[in-house]
Protein backbone atom coordinates (compact mmCIF):
# COMPACT_ATOMS: atom_id res chain seq x y z
CA MET A 1 0.00 0.00 0.00
CA PRO A 2 1.67 3.23 -1.12
CA GLN A 3 0.24 5.46 1.63
CA LEU A 4 2.28 3.56 4.22
CA ASN A 5 5.60 4.47 2.60
CA PRO A 6 7.03 7.19 4.91
CA ALA A 7 9.77 8.40 2.58
CA PRO A 8 7.98 11.18 0.63
CA TRP A 9 5.77 12.26 3.54
CA PHE A 10 8.68 12.55 5.96
CA ALA A 11 10.58 14.74 3.49
CA ILE A 12 7.51 16.95 3.00
CA LEU A 13 7.06 17.22 6.77
CA VAL A 14 10.69 18.18 7.34
CA PHE A 15 10.72 20.71 4.52
CA SER A 16 7.48 22.36 5.62
CA TRP A 17 8.77 22.70 9.20
CA LEU A 18 12.01 24.20 7.92
CA VAL A 19 9.93 26.78 6.06
CA PHE A 20 7.82 27.48 9.15
CA ILE A 21 10.87 27.83 11.39
CA THR A 22 13.12 29.91 9.10
CA VAL A 23 11.08 31.93 6.60
CA ILE A 24 7.84 32.81 8.34
CA PRO A 25 9.25 34.24 11.64
CA THR A 26 11.64 36.52 9.76
CA LYS A 27 8.79 37.84 7.61
CA VAL A 28 6.54 38.39 10.60
CA MET A 29 9.22 40.09 12.69
CA SER A 30 10.17 42.47 9.87
CA HIS A 31 6.76 44.14 9.94
CA THR A 32 6.53 47.46 11.74
CA SER A 33 3.55 49.07 13.34
CA PRO A 34 2.17 52.05 11.41
CA ASN A 35 1.17 53.77 14.65
CA GLU A 36 4.22 54.13 16.83
CA PRO A 37 3.35 55.00 20.43
CA ALA A 38 3.87 58.62 21.34
CA PRO A 39 5.52 59.54 24.64
CA LEU A 40 3.06 60.60 27.31
CA ASP A 41 3.08 64.06 28.86
CA SER A 42 4.72 64.23 32.24
CA GLU A 43 2.20 66.71 33.61
CA LYS A 44 -0.43 65.32 35.93
CA HIS A 45 -4.03 66.29 35.28
CA GLU A 46 -6.05 67.46 38.24
CA THR A 47 -9.25 65.59 38.90
CA GLU A 48 -12.27 66.82 40.78
CA PRO A 49 -14.55 64.66 42.89
CA TRP A 50 -17.99 64.05 41.49
CA ASN A 51 -20.92 65.72 43.17
CA TRP A 52 -23.43 62.92 43.58
CA PRO A 53 -26.91 64.34 44.23
CA TRP A 54 -28.20 61.25 46.08
CA GLN A 55 -25.54 61.20 48.80
């Protein structure tokens, strides 16, 4: 039965994992975010307590 011969399927498995391990991570890591985070202001905003009418 030809489907039990592991020779071509093992080679395909090894080659596909080599592609997954070498090519795909380098392509994914080379992408940059279009929206780089901006530094936050160092000033602190003053907050006021809420005036709850039912308390």
